[in-house]
Structure formats: C-alpha cells, structure tokens
C-alpha atoms as a PDB file:
ATOM      1  CA  MET A   1      83.117  90.408 182.103  1.00  0.00           C
ATOM      2  CA  SER A   2      81.396  89.146 179.024  1.00  0.00           C
ATOM      3  CA  TYR A   3      81.001  85.820 177.758  1.00  0.00           C
ATOM      4  CA  ARG A   4      83.564  84.466 175.752  1.00  0.00           C
ATOM      5  CA  ASN A   5      83.849  80.923 173.795  1.00  0.00           C
ATOM      6  CA  GLU A   6      87.577  80.638 172.821  1.00  0.00           C
ATOM      7  CA  LEU A   7      86.851  77.295 170.657  1.00  0.00           C
ATOM      8  CA  LEU A   8      84.166  78.878 168.506  1.00  0.00           C
ATOM      9  CA  GLU A   9      86.184  82.162 168.134  1.00  0.00           C
ATOM     10  CA  GLN A  10      89.215  79.937 166.821  1.00  0.00           C
ATOM     11  CA  LEU A  11      86.829  77.871 164.620  1.00  0.00           C
ATOM     12  CA  ILE A  12      85.817  80.929 162.959  1.00  0.00           C
ATOM     13  CA  ILE A  13      89.150  82.426 162.548  1.00  0.00           C
ATOM     14  CA  ASP A  14      90.538  79.275 161.152  1.00  0.00           C
ATOM     15  CA  PHE A  15      87.677  79.317 158.593  1.00  0.00           C
ATOM     16  CA  LEU A  16      88.168  83.020 157.783  1.00  0.00           C
ATOM     17  CA  SER A  17      91.688  82.177 157.508  1.00  0.00           C
ATOM     18  CA  LYS A  18      91.428  79.323 155.036  1.00  0.00           C
ATOM     19  CA  VAL A  19      88.901  81.018 152.724  1.00  0.00           C
ATOM     20  CA  ASP A  20      91.365  83.963 152.810  1.00  0.00           C
ATOM     21  CA  LYS A  21      94.200  81.858 151.783  1.00  0.00           C
ATOM     22  CA  ALA A  22      92.187  79.849 148.983  1.00  0.00           C
ATOM     23  CA  THR A  23      91.134  83.288 147.502  1.00  0.00           C
ATOM     24  CA  GLU A  24      94.737  84.779 147.839  1.00  0.00           C
ATOM     25  CA  LEU A  25      95.427  81.734 145.421  1.00  0.00           C
ATOM     26  CA  PHE A  26      92.508  82.383 143.271  1.00  0.00           C
ATOM     27  CA  GLU A  27      94.038  86.030 142.913  1.00  0.00           C
ATOM     28  CA  LYS A  28      97.472  84.505 141.822  1.00  0.00           C
ATOM     29  CA  LYS A  29      96.043  82.077 139.199  1.00  0.00           C
ATOM     30  CA  PHE A  30      93.099  84.123 138.180  1.00  0.00           C
ATOM     31  CA  GLY A  31      93.546  87.976 138.958  1.00  0.00           C
ATOM     32  CA  THR A  32      90.480  87.828 140.892  1.00  0.00           C
ATOM     33  CA  ARG A  33      89.554  86.560 144.559  1.00  0.00           C
ATOM     34  CA  SER A  34      85.924  86.191 143.204  1.00  0.00           C
ATOM     35  CA  ILE A  35      86.094  83.713 140.586  1.00  0.00           C
ATOM     36  CA  LEU A  36      82.304  83.138 140.126  1.00  0.00           C
ATOM     37  CA  ARG A  37      81.923  85.516 137.475  1.00  0.00           C
ATOM     38  CA  LEU A  38      84.637  83.904 135.284  1.00  0.00           C
ATOM     39  CA  TRP A  39      82.732  80.478 135.697  1.00  0.00           C
ATOM     40  CA  ARG A  40      79.258  81.860 134.761  1.00  0.00           C
ATOM     41  CA  THR A  41      81.124  83.546 131.561  1.00  0.00           C
ATOM     42  CA  LYS A  42      82.772  80.081 130.884  1.00  0.00           C
ATOM     43  CA  LYS A  43      86.419  81.352 131.299  1.00  0.00           C
ATOM     44  CA  ILE A  44      86.956  78.957 133.643  1.00  0.00           C
ATOM     45  CA  GLU A  45      85.636  75.341 134.364  1.00  0.00           C
ATOM     46  CA  ARG A  46      83.317  74.582 137.131  1.00  0.00           C
ATOM     47  CA  CYS A  47      85.977  72.407 138.990  1.00  0.00           C
ATOM     48  CA  GLY A  48      89.528  72.894 138.437  1.00  0.00           C
ATOM     49  CA  THR A  49      93.132  73.044 139.810  1.00  0.00           C
ATOM     50  CA  VAL A  50      94.609  76.144 141.446  1.00  0.00           C
ATOM     51  CA  MET A  51      98.072  74.680 141.625  1.00  0.00           C
ATOM     52  CA  ASP A  52      99.776  71.534 142.791  1.00  0.00           C
ATOM     53  CA  ASN A  53      97.503  69.415 144.747  1.00  0.00           C
ATOM     54  CA  ILE A  54      95.119  72.297 145.191  1.00  0.00           C
ATOM     55  CA  THR A  55      91.583  72.144 143.452  1.00  0.00           C
ATOM     56  CA  TYR A  56      88.542  73.904 143.709  1.00  0.00           C
ATOM     57  CA  GLU A  57      84.653  73.169 142.608  1.00  0.00           C
ATOM     58  CA  LEU A  58      82.175  76.149 142.098  1.00  0.00           C
ATOM     59  CA  HIS A  59      78.570  75.946 143.239  1.00  0.00           C
ATOM     60  CA  GLY A  60      75.528  78.307 143.300  1.00  0.00           C
ATOM     61  CA  VAL A  61      77.189  81.564 145.023  1.00  0.00           C
ATOM     62  CA  GLY A  62      80.256  79.733 146.139  1.00  0.00           C
ATOM     63  CA  CYS A  63      83.018  77.434 146.115  1.00  0.00           C
ATOM     64  CA  VAL A  64      85.011  74.492 147.870  1.00  0.00           C
ATOM     65  CA  VAL A  65      88.461  74.592 147.893  1.00  0.00           C
ATOM     66  CA  HIS A  66      90.460  71.484 148.659  1.00  0.00           C
ATOM     67  CA  LEU A  67      93.366  72.571 150.641  1.00  0.00           C
ATOM     68  CA  PRO A  68      96.455  70.380 151.592  1.00  0.00           C
ATOM     69  CA  GLU A  69      95.296  70.639 155.288  1.00  0.00           C
ATOM     70  CA  ALA A  70      91.286  70.724 154.862  1.00  0.00           C
ATOM     71  CA  SER A  71      88.627  71.292 152.355  1.00  0.00           C
ATOM     72  CA  ILE A  72      86.742  74.727 152.957  1.00  0.00           C
ATOM     73  CA  ASP A  73      83.302  75.317 151.739  1.00  0.00           C
ATOM     74  CA  PHE A  74      82.343  78.905 151.506  1.00  0.00           C
ATOM     75  CA  ASP A  75      79.634  81.389 149.907  1.00  0.00           C
ATOM     76  CA  TYR A  76      80.644  84.702 147.953  1.00  0.00           C
ATOM     77  CA  GLY A  77      78.857  87.400 150.078  1.00  0.00           C
ATOM     78  CA  PRO A  78      77.444  90.550 148.809  1.00  0.00           C
ATOM     79  CA  ASP A  79      79.949  92.509 146.690  1.00  0.00           C
ATOM     80  CA  GLY A  80      81.909  89.444 146.513  1.00  0.00           C
ATOM     81  CA  ARG A  81      82.700  89.558 150.105  1.00  0.00           C
ATOM     82  CA  ILE A  82      84.544  86.381 151.766  1.00  0.00           C
ATOM     83  CA  ASP A  83      84.068  87.271 155.458  1.00  0.00           C
ATOM     84  CA  GLY A  84      80.822  85.310 155.797  1.00  0.00           C
ATOM     85  CA  PHE A  85      80.196  82.018 157.322  1.00  0.00           C
ATOM     86  CA  ASP A  86      77.291  79.813 158.801  1.00  0.00           C
ATOM     87  CA  VAL A  87      77.280  77.021 161.129  1.00  0.00           C
ATOM     88  CA  TRP A  88      77.077  74.230 158.374  1.00  0.00           C
ATOM     89  CA  ARG A  89      80.149  75.869 156.951  1.00  0.00           C
ATOM     90  CA  LEU A  90      81.536  75.840 160.547  1.00  0.00           C
ATOM     91  CA  TYR A  91      80.584  72.419 161.096  1.00  0.00           C
ATOM     92  CA  LEU A  92      82.211  71.172 157.775  1.00  0.00           C
ATOM     93  CA  LEU A  93      85.850  72.523 158.863  1.00  0.00           C
ATOM     94  CA  ALA A  94      85.025  70.726 162.452  1.00  0.00           C
ATOM     95  CA  CYS A  95      84.467  67.640 161.043  1.00  0.00           C
ATOM     96  CA  GLU A  96      87.417  67.999 158.397  1.00  0.00           C
ATOM     97  CA  LEU A  97      89.723  68.714 161.696  1.00  0.00           C
ATOM     98  CA  PRO A  98      88.344  66.694 164.374  1.00  0.00           C
ATOM     99  CA  HIS A  99      91.282  66.943 166.317  1.00  0.00           C
ATOM    100  CA  GLN A 100      91.079  70.906 166.628  1.00  0.00           C
ATOM    101  CA  TYR A 101      87.330  70.987 166.882  1.00  0.00           C
ATOM    102  CA  GLU A 102      86.041  67.639 168.342  1.00  0.00           C
ATOM    103  CA  LYS A 103      83.246  69.344 170.322  1.00  0.00           C
ATOM    104  CA  TYR A 104      82.151  70.901 167.288  1.00  0.00           C
ATOM    105  CA  THR A 105      81.743  67.494 165.405  1.00  0.00           C
ATOM    106  CA  GLY A 106      78.095  67.526 166.980  1.00  0.00           C
ATOM    107  CA  GLN A 107      76.318  70.094 164.836  1.00  0.00           C
ATOM    108  CA  GLN A 108      74.010  70.758 167.419  1.00  0.00           C
ATOM    109  CA  ILE A 109      76.382  71.902 170.043  1.00  0.00           C
ATOM    110  CA  LEU A 110      77.869  74.160 167.415  1.00  0.00           C
ATOM    111  CA  LYS A 111      74.501  75.553 166.622  1.00  0.00           C
ATOM    112  CA  SER A 112      73.811  76.202 170.180  1.00  0.00           C
ATOM    113  CA  ASP A 113      76.824  77.952 170.464  1.00  0.00           C
ATOM    114  CA  PHE A 114      76.812  80.102 167.572  1.00  0.00           C
ATOM    115  CA  GLU A 115      73.297  81.136 168.255  1.00  0.00           C
ATOM    116  CA  LYS A 116      74.539  82.392 171.694  1.00  0.00           C
ATOM    117  CA  TYR A 117      77.182  84.474 169.941  1.00  0.00           C
ATOM    118  CA  ILE A 118      74.283  85.907 167.832  1.00  0.00           C
ATOM    119  CA  GLU A 119      72.253  86.664 170.874  1.00  0.00           C
ATOM    120  CA  ILE A 120      75.059  88.541 172.831  1.00  0.00           C
ATOM    121  CA  GLY A 121      75.941  90.768 169.550  1.00  0.00           C
ATOM    122  CA  LYS A 122      79.326  89.382 168.672  1.00  0.00           C
ATOM    123  CA  LEU A 123      78.125  87.766 165.081  1.00  0.00           C
ATOM    124  CA  GLU A 124      75.516  89.579 162.903  1.00  0.00           C
ATOM    125  CA  LYS A 125      74.097  88.993 159.450  1.00  0.00           C
ATOM    126  CA  ILE A 126      76.289  89.810 156.397  1.00  0.00           C
ATOM    127  CA  SER A 127      73.112  91.623 154.929  1.00  0.00           C
ATOM    128  CA  PRO A 128      69.192  91.305 155.821  1.00  0.00           C
ATOM    129  CA  LEU A 129      68.846  88.888 153.082  1.00  0.00           C
ATOM    130  CA  ASP A 130      71.379  86.543 153.258  1.00  0.00           C
ATOM    131  CA  GLY A 131      72.159  83.589 155.536  1.00  0.00           C
ATOM    132  CA  LEU A 132      75.513  84.500 156.339  1.00  0.00           C
ATOM    133  CA  TYR A 133      77.091  85.930 159.345  1.00  0.00           C
ATOM    134  CA  VAL A 134      79.806  87.911 160.236  1.00  0.00           C
ATOM    135  CA  ILE A 135      81.901  88.970 163.084  1.00  0.00           C
ATOM    136  CA  LYS A 136      80.642  92.160 164.681  1.00  0.00           C
ATOM    137  CA  GLY A 137      82.959  95.209 164.108  1.00  0.00           C
ATOM    138  CA  ASN A 138      85.384  92.603 162.332  1.00  0.00           C
ATOM    139  CA  ARG A 139      86.989  91.334 165.427  1.00  0.00           C
ATOM    140  CA  PHE A 140      86.077  89.455 168.832  1.00  0.00           C
ATOM    141  CA  THR A 141      86.128  91.365 172.013  1.00  0.00           C
END
C-alpha cells in the first residue's frame, strides 16, 4: 500500500479549486483566465474588483484573489498554467482556513509533508526553471 496524506491532498485540491474559481471569474469579466497581460499593457489596473465583494491584486507573475471564503494567492506558470502551487501558497490558504487545516498552520509541518510527496513522486515541478509544483499525472493515486 502506498503512502497517502489525505489532509495534504485535500489542501492541494482546495487550493486548485479556489484558483479555478477565481480564474473562471476573470474569464467572465475580462475574457481571459490569465489577466497578467492585461495589466502589463495597462488595460486593467493592478488592483480591482471582479464582482461584488471579490477583488484581485496582481503581483509579479501572480495574483491574490479575495474570495468570500478565503483569499487565494497563486502564480501563473508556463503558458498561463494555473495548476501550480508551492508550500508558501498552501500555507497561506491553511492559515486562511485554520478550522479545516489547523495542522498546516505550522509551516514546517506542511513543508515536511510536501517534501515527502515530492520524494515519493506524487508531486513534480511544473518546469525545471520554476518553483511551482503540480500533481504528477494530474491526480493523486
């Protein structure tokens, strides 16, 4: 039987789900999921409102979206990919939702579990030059 960490997997799935929700809202409002180019060409402001009480703040190669249930901070990966994550971004989400992810409000514990998943091949780098990781094979097995 292979090692499985259900809480870590749930945190990653929750993170990716919130990123997907945020970028779907971008697509509805701006016509694209990746709004970095719009910002860099000055077609949108660095900070703004997506709808109602949902706001965004662009930074570097990423974005923070303040959803009603939690804020989500993500970076766009190569070719505008949105399925990448790292320990820091997962930690931020865990701290936003401590009632669900209390164990991971300790960054060292999260880092240790994350590194174990890299070691056993459940996570892999999105690209050799990037610090983001993805679920190997797009699903946990």
